Amino acid sequence: RRREAQNTVRGHNAPKPEVFDLMRFVRHNLFLLSMLLLVLASPLISRAETLKKQVENPEPKPIVIKSETMELNNETKIVTFPGAVNAQKDDFVIDCQKMLVFYENKPEKSESEGSENSIDRIVAEGKVKISRTQGLTATSDKAIYYHKTEKAVLTGTPVIKQENDLVEGDRITIFFGENRTISQGSKLKKLYA
């Protein structure tokens, strides 16, 4: 008993003063710290993922059509652009003498001024010239651009030029999303390249 009393007096059983231990604090609060970090960083991660998606798959720009006049027919769902017509989209420009825009739904005034939300196809006629940003130039008498499949079918003496290369055929199809073309000839007319 005497020893117990001496130990108590000397402080052996008395509580030791606590010293702040950073490693111990981190181990015990690691979960809370990681959750706090996750909450603080999640808006940044989300924004970074959104920006990455926009860069990888940019939102397609609307087709902007410029012409001397415009005629809208709600019954037939067709907008006609007579005169010198210029239509621009992401990576190509179409110039022609007349352009018809066919809608899936009835076009509204705002849609005919550049929006392409319900465009089915565009028909370009008369001295059609398609210029791409990659240096490709195509000419023909008529071209039909299909919006959903992003392709144009050229007929009426179509010709494609790119640098020193020249391709002629009866029908040439340009696949804009795939950066490729298909030329077709007839039995009477051979393809030239």
C-alpha atoms as a PDB file:
ATOM      1  CA  ARG A   1       0.000   0.000   0.000  1.00  0.00           C
ATOM      2  CA  ARG A   2       2.759   2.258   0.735  1.00  0.00           C
ATOM      3  CA  ARG A   3       4.150   1.684  -2.718  1.00  0.00           C
ATOM      4  CA  GLU A   4       0.817   2.394  -4.325  1.00  0.00           C
ATOM      5  CA  ALA A   5       0.564   5.580  -2.363  1.00  0.00           C
ATOM      6  CA  GLN A   6       4.079   6.597  -3.399  1.00  0.00           C
ATOM      7  CA  ASN A   7       3.350   5.854  -7.074  1.00  0.00           C
ATOM      8  CA  THR A   8       0.240   7.938  -6.898  1.00  0.00           C
ATOM      9  CA  VAL A   9       2.142  10.751  -5.243  1.00  0.00           C
ATOM     10  CA  ARG A  10       4.977  10.591  -7.748  1.00  0.00           C
ATOM     11  CA  GLY A  11       2.481  10.670 -10.635  1.00  0.00           C
ATOM     12  CA  HIS A  12       2.896   7.205 -12.097  1.00  0.00           C
ATOM     13  CA  ASN A  13      -0.876   6.651 -12.164  1.00  0.00           C
ATOM     14  CA  ALA A  14      -1.658  10.290 -12.754  1.00  0.00           C
ATOM     15  CA  PRO A  15      -2.699  11.210 -16.318  1.00  0.00           C
ATOM     16  CA  LYS A  16       0.170  12.369 -18.501  1.00  0.00           C
ATOM     17  CA  PRO A  17      -0.133  15.737 -20.183  1.00  0.00           C
ATOM     18  CA  GLU A  18      -1.297  15.285 -23.838  1.00  0.00           C
ATOM     19  CA  VAL A  19       1.075  16.305 -26.622  1.00  0.00           C
ATOM     20  CA  PHE A  20      -0.490  17.077 -30.027  1.00  0.00           C
ATOM     21  CA  ASP A  21       0.442  14.286 -32.402  1.00  0.00           C
ATOM     22  CA  LEU A  22      -0.195  15.292 -36.028  1.00  0.00           C
ATOM     23  CA  MET A  23       0.136  11.758 -37.409  1.00  0.00           C
ATOM     24  CA  ARG A  24      -2.311  10.417 -34.879  1.00  0.00           C
ATOM     25  CA  PHE A  25      -4.757  13.214 -35.725  1.00  0.00           C
ATOM     26  CA  VAL A  26      -4.461  12.504 -39.451  1.00  0.00           C
ATOM     27  CA  ARG A  27      -4.978   8.751 -38.956  1.00  0.00           C
ATOM     28  CA  HIS A  28      -8.086   9.281 -36.871  1.00  0.00           C
ATOM     29  CA  ASN A  29      -9.517  11.963 -39.138  1.00  0.00           C
ATOM     30  CA  LEU A  30      -8.374  10.675 -42.520  1.00  0.00           C
ATOM     31  CA  PHE A  31     -11.892   9.773 -43.581  1.00  0.00           C
ATOM     32  CA  LEU A  32     -13.240  13.186 -42.637  1.00  0.00           C
ATOM     33  CA  LEU A  33     -10.376  14.952 -44.414  1.00  0.00           C
ATOM     34  CA  SER A  34     -10.851  12.896 -47.575  1.00  0.00           C
ATOM     35  CA  MET A  35     -14.591  13.623 -47.610  1.00  0.00           C
ATOM     36  CA  LEU A  36     -13.912  17.340 -47.128  1.00  0.00           C
ATOM     37  CA  LEU A  37     -11.405  17.290 -49.983  1.00  0.00           C
ATOM     38  CA  LEU A  38     -13.862  15.435 -52.208  1.00  0.00           C
ATOM     39  CA  VAL A  39     -16.630  17.944 -51.493  1.00  0.00           C
ATOM     40  CA  LEU A  40     -14.327  20.880 -52.206  1.00  0.00           C
ATOM     41  CA  ALA A  41     -12.817  19.377 -55.360  1.00  0.00           C
ATOM     42  CA  SER A  42     -15.966  17.892 -56.948  1.00  0.00           C
ATOM     43  CA  PRO A  43     -17.085  21.138 -58.650  1.00  0.00           C
ATOM     44  CA  LEU A  44     -13.616  21.491 -60.172  1.00  0.00           C
ATOM     45  CA  ILE A  45     -13.593  17.870 -61.354  1.00  0.00           C
ATOM     46  CA  SER A  46     -17.080  18.239 -62.820  1.00  0.00           C
ATOM     47  CA  ARG A  47     -16.127  21.441 -64.654  1.00  0.00           C
ATOM     48  CA  ALA A  48     -12.947  19.816 -66.000  1.00  0.00           C
ATOM     49  CA  GLU A  49     -14.934  16.841 -67.335  1.00  0.00           C
ATOM     50  CA  THR A  50     -17.450  19.195 -68.991  1.00  0.00           C
ATOM     51  CA  LEU A  51     -14.662  21.152 -70.670  1.00  0.00           C
ATOM     52  CA  LYS A  52     -13.013  17.911 -71.831  1.00  0.00           C
ATOM     53  CA  LYS A  53     -16.293  16.728 -73.417  1.00  0.00           C
ATOM     54  CA  GLN A  54     -16.754  20.102 -75.132  1.00  0.00           C
ATOM     55  CA  VAL A  55     -13.263  19.899 -76.608  1.00  0.00           C
ATOM     56  CA  GLU A  56     -13.654  16.255 -77.706  1.00  0.00           C
ATOM     57  CA  ASN A  57     -17.199  16.655 -79.034  1.00  0.00           C
ATOM     58  CA  PRO A  58     -17.896  20.305 -79.612  1.00  0.00           C
ATOM     59  CA  GLU A  59     -21.485  21.309 -79.993  1.00  0.00           C
ATOM     60  CA  PRO A  60     -22.161  21.618 -83.728  1.00  0.00           C
ATOM     61  CA  LYS A  61     -22.619  25.167 -84.902  1.00  0.00           C
ATOM     62  CA  PRO A  62     -25.818  25.974 -86.777  1.00  0.00           C
ATOM     63  CA  ILE A  63     -25.832  26.408 -90.521  1.00  0.00           C
ATOM     64  CA  VAL A  64     -25.796  30.121 -91.322  1.00  0.00           C
ATOM     65  CA  ILE A  65     -27.353  30.915 -94.696  1.00  0.00           C
ATOM     66  CA  LYS A  66     -26.962  34.273 -96.402  1.00  0.00           C
ATOM     67  CA  SER A  67     -28.926  35.231 -99.491  1.00  0.00           C
ATOM     68  CA  GLU A  68     -30.493  38.214-101.234  1.00  0.00           C
ATOM     69  CA  THR A  69     -34.016  37.010-100.375  1.00  0.00           C
ATOM     70  CA  MET A  70     -35.784  34.268 -98.462  1.00  0.00           C
ATOM     71  CA  GLU A  71     -39.165  32.645 -99.060  1.00  0.00           C
ATOM     72  CA  LEU A  72     -40.814  30.564 -96.317  1.00  0.00           C
ATOM     73  CA  ASN A  73     -43.628  28.099 -97.123  1.00  0.00           C
ATOM     74  CA  ASN A  74     -45.120  26.603 -93.948  1.00  0.00           C
ATOM     75  CA  GLU A  75     -47.349  24.164 -95.827  1.00  0.00           C
ATOM     76  CA  THR A  76     -44.518  22.458 -97.718  1.00  0.00           C
ATOM     77  CA  LYS A  77     -41.968  22.928 -94.881  1.00  0.00           C
ATOM     78  CA  ILE A  78     -39.484  24.471 -97.341  1.00  0.00           C
ATOM     79  CA  VAL A  79     -37.425  27.644 -97.113  1.00  0.00           C
ATOM     80  CA  THR A  80     -36.125  28.898-100.486  1.00  0.00           C
ATOM     81  CA  PHE A  81     -33.067  31.126-100.820  1.00  0.00           C
ATOM     82  CA  PRO A  82     -32.794  32.486-104.410  1.00  0.00           C
ATOM     83  CA  GLY A  83     -29.894  34.575-105.632  1.00  0.00           C
ATOM     84  CA  ALA A  84     -26.247  34.381-104.613  1.00  0.00           C
ATOM     85  CA  VAL A  85     -26.413  32.002-101.637  1.00  0.00           C
ATOM     86  CA  ASN A  86     -23.680  31.350 -99.073  1.00  0.00           C
ATOM     87  CA  ALA A  87     -24.153  28.708 -96.360  1.00  0.00           C
ATOM     88  CA  GLN A  88     -21.551  28.106 -93.643  1.00  0.00           C
ATOM     89  CA  LYS A  89     -21.237  25.241 -91.190  1.00  0.00           C
ATOM     90  CA  ASP A  90     -18.455  24.027 -88.885  1.00  0.00           C
ATOM     91  CA  ASP A  91     -15.841  23.046 -91.464  1.00  0.00           C
ATOM     92  CA  PHE A  92     -17.390  23.767 -94.861  1.00  0.00           C
ATOM     93  CA  VAL A  93     -18.985  26.493 -96.965  1.00  0.00           C
ATOM     94  CA  ILE A  94     -21.527  26.016 -99.760  1.00  0.00           C
ATOM     95  CA  ASP A  95     -21.952  28.675-102.459  1.00  0.00           C
ATOM     96  CA  CYS A  96     -24.684  28.339-105.088  1.00  0.00           C
ATOM     97  CA  GLN A  97     -27.365  30.180-107.062  1.00  0.00           C
ATOM     98  CA  LYS A  98     -30.382  28.688-105.259  1.00  0.00           C
ATOM     99  CA  MET A  99     -30.826  26.781-102.004  1.00  0.00           C
ATOM    100  CA  LEU A 100     -33.835  24.877-100.656  1.00  0.00           C
ATOM    101  CA  VAL A 101     -33.974  23.942 -96.963  1.00  0.00           C
ATOM    102  CA  PHE A 102     -36.381  21.090 -96.159  1.00  0.00           C
ATOM    103  CA  TYR A 103     -37.628  20.870 -92.576  1.00  0.00           C
ATOM    104  CA  GLU A 104     -38.944  17.847 -90.709  1.00  0.00           C
ATOM    105  CA  ASN A 105     -41.332  20.098 -88.773  1.00  0.00           C
ATOM    106  CA  LYS A 106     -42.835  23.428 -89.713  1.00  0.00           C
ATOM    107  CA  PRO A 107     -40.052  26.009 -89.599  1.00  0.00           C
ATOM    108  CA  GLU A 108     -40.436  28.974 -87.317  1.00  0.00           C
ATOM    109  CA  LYS A 109     -39.079  32.406 -88.085  1.00  0.00           C
ATOM    110  CA  SER A 110     -36.095  31.904 -85.726  1.00  0.00           C
ATOM    111  CA  GLU A 111     -35.240  28.543 -87.318  1.00  0.00           C
ATOM    112  CA  SER A 112     -35.066  29.949 -90.822  1.00  0.00           C
ATOM    113  CA  GLU A 113     -32.519  32.511 -89.636  1.00  0.00           C
ATOM    114  CA  GLY A 114     -29.813  29.973 -88.806  1.00  0.00           C
ATOM    115  CA  SER A 115     -30.999  27.288 -86.394  1.00  0.00           C
ATOM    116  CA  GLU A 116     -30.899  23.731 -87.684  1.00  0.00           C
ATOM    117  CA  ASN A 117     -32.914  21.940 -85.031  1.00  0.00           C
ATOM    118  CA  SER A 118     -35.361  20.375 -87.464  1.00  0.00           C
ATOM    119  CA  ILE A 119     -33.528  20.515 -90.809  1.00  0.00           C
ATOM    120  CA  ASP A 120     -33.874  17.329 -92.849  1.00  0.00           C
ATOM    121  CA  ARG A 121     -31.823  18.211 -95.939  1.00  0.00           C
ATOM    122  CA  ILE A 122     -30.516  21.122 -97.962  1.00  0.00           C
ATOM    123  CA  VAL A 123     -30.559  21.191-101.770  1.00  0.00           C
ATOM    124  CA  ALA A 124     -28.082  23.514-103.485  1.00  0.00           C
ATOM    125  CA  GLU A 125     -28.516  24.178-107.214  1.00  0.00           C
ATOM    126  CA  GLY A 126     -26.659  26.134-109.883  1.00  0.00           C
ATOM    127  CA  LYS A 127     -22.865  26.466-109.900  1.00  0.00           C
ATOM    128  CA  VAL A 128     -22.507  24.677-106.562  1.00  0.00           C
ATOM    129  CA  LYS A 129     -19.145  25.025-104.852  1.00  0.00           C
ATOM    130  CA  ILE A 130     -18.304  23.319-101.544  1.00  0.00           C
ATOM    131  CA  SER A 131     -15.117  24.410 -99.796  1.00  0.00           C
ATOM    132  CA  ARG A 132     -13.708  22.577 -96.777  1.00  0.00           C
ATOM    133  CA  THR A 133     -11.199  23.852 -94.250  1.00  0.00           C
ATOM    134  CA  GLN A 134      -8.877  20.914 -95.106  1.00  0.00           C
ATOM    135  CA  GLY A 135      -8.351  22.362 -98.591  1.00  0.00           C
ATOM    136  CA  LEU A 136     -10.892  20.249-100.503  1.00  0.00           C
ATOM    137  CA  THR A 137     -13.029  22.023-103.117  1.00  0.00           C
ATOM    138  CA  ALA A 138     -15.976  20.350-104.837  1.00  0.00           C
ATOM    139  CA  THR A 139     -18.060  21.722-107.693  1.00  0.00           C
ATOM    140  CA  SER A 140     -21.241  20.430-109.340  1.00  0.00           C
ATOM    141  CA  ASP A 141     -24.583  21.460-110.770  1.00  0.00           C
ATOM    142  CA  LYS A 142     -26.491  20.130-107.751  1.00  0.00           C
ATOM    143  CA  ALA A 143     -25.695  19.005-104.208  1.00  0.00           C
ATOM    144  CA  ILE A 144     -27.953  17.536-101.524  1.00  0.00           C
ATOM    145  CA  TYR A 145     -26.698  17.829 -97.927  1.00  0.00           C
ATOM    146  CA  TYR A 146     -28.312  15.376 -95.486  1.00  0.00           C
ATOM    147  CA  HIS A 147     -28.195  16.868 -92.008  1.00  0.00           C
ATOM    148  CA  LYS A 148     -28.546  13.722 -89.859  1.00  0.00           C
ATOM    149  CA  THR A 149     -25.860  11.715 -91.663  1.00  0.00           C
ATOM    150  CA  GLU A 150     -23.646  14.743 -92.431  1.00  0.00           C
ATOM    151  CA  LYS A 151     -23.122  13.829 -96.053  1.00  0.00           C
ATOM    152  CA  ALA A 152     -23.512  15.615 -99.366  1.00  0.00           C
ATOM    153  CA  VAL A 153     -24.331  13.941-102.672  1.00  0.00           C
ATOM    154  CA  LEU A 154     -23.088  15.868-105.729  1.00  0.00           C
ATOM    155  CA  THR A 155     -24.511  15.286-109.212  1.00  0.00           C
ATOM    156  CA  GLY A 156     -24.292  17.086-112.538  1.00  0.00           C
ATOM    157  CA  THR A 157     -20.603  16.933-113.537  1.00  0.00           C
ATOM    158  CA  PRO A 158     -19.194  16.790-110.005  1.00  0.00           C
ATOM    159  CA  VAL A 159     -15.472  17.438-109.539  1.00  0.00           C
ATOM    160  CA  ILE A 160     -13.352  17.329-106.380  1.00  0.00           C
ATOM    161  CA  LYS A 161      -9.972  19.034-106.138  1.00  0.00           C
ATOM    162  CA  GLN A 162      -7.507  18.769-103.288  1.00  0.00           C
ATOM    163  CA  GLU A 163      -3.983  20.081-103.799  1.00  0.00           C
ATOM    164  CA  ASN A 164      -2.795  18.413-107.051  1.00  0.00           C
ATOM    165  CA  ASP A 165      -5.492  15.700-107.033  1.00  0.00           C
ATOM    166  CA  LEU A 166      -8.638  15.842-109.165  1.00  0.00           C
ATOM    167  CA  VAL A 167     -11.569  13.393-109.131  1.00  0.00           C
ATOM    168  CA  GLU A 168     -14.504  13.404-111.568  1.00  0.00           C
ATOM    169  CA  GLY A 169     -17.512  11.116-111.687  1.00  0.00           C
ATOM    170  CA  ASP A 170     -21.250  10.941-112.281  1.00  0.00           C
ATOM    171  CA  ARG A 171     -21.978  11.079-108.565  1.00  0.00           C
ATOM    172  CA  ILE A 172     -19.684  12.017-105.669  1.00  0.00           C
ATOM    173  CA  THR A 173     -20.630  11.591-102.010  1.00  0.00           C
ATOM    174  CA  ILE A 174     -18.791  13.550 -99.311  1.00  0.00           C
ATOM    175  CA  PHE A 175     -18.986  12.232 -95.740  1.00  0.00           C
ATOM    176  CA  PHE A 176     -18.132  15.270 -93.616  1.00  0.00           C
ATOM    177  CA  GLY A 177     -17.941  13.494 -90.256  1.00  0.00           C
ATOM    178  CA  GLU A 178     -15.640  10.768 -91.602  1.00  0.00           C
ATOM    179  CA  ASN A 179     -13.429  12.911 -93.889  1.00  0.00           C
ATOM    180  CA  ARG A 180     -13.920  10.595 -96.859  1.00  0.00           C
ATOM    181  CA  THR A 181     -15.503  10.673-100.309  1.00  0.00           C
ATOM    182  CA  ILE A 182     -16.950   8.107-102.708  1.00  0.00           C
ATOM    183  CA  SER A 183     -16.893   8.698-106.464  1.00  0.00           C
ATOM    184  CA  GLN A 184     -19.145   6.729-108.789  1.00  0.00           C
ATOM    185  CA  GLY A 185     -19.003   6.555-112.581  1.00  0.00           C
ATOM    186  CA  SER A 186     -21.238   4.977-115.176  1.00  0.00           C
ATOM    187  CA  LYS A 187     -20.615   2.331-117.836  1.00  0.00           C
ATOM    188  CA  LEU A 188     -20.082   5.061-120.411  1.00  0.00           C
ATOM    189  CA  LYS A 189     -17.963   7.373-118.302  1.00  0.00           C
ATOM    190  CA  LYS A 190     -14.849   6.281-116.425  1.00  0.00           C
ATOM    191  CA  LEU A 191     -13.631   7.854-113.211  1.00  0.00           C
ATOM    192  CA  TYR A 192     -10.604  10.105-113.431  1.00  0.00           C
ATOM    193  CA  ALA A 193      -8.142  10.697-110.626  1.00  0.00           C
END
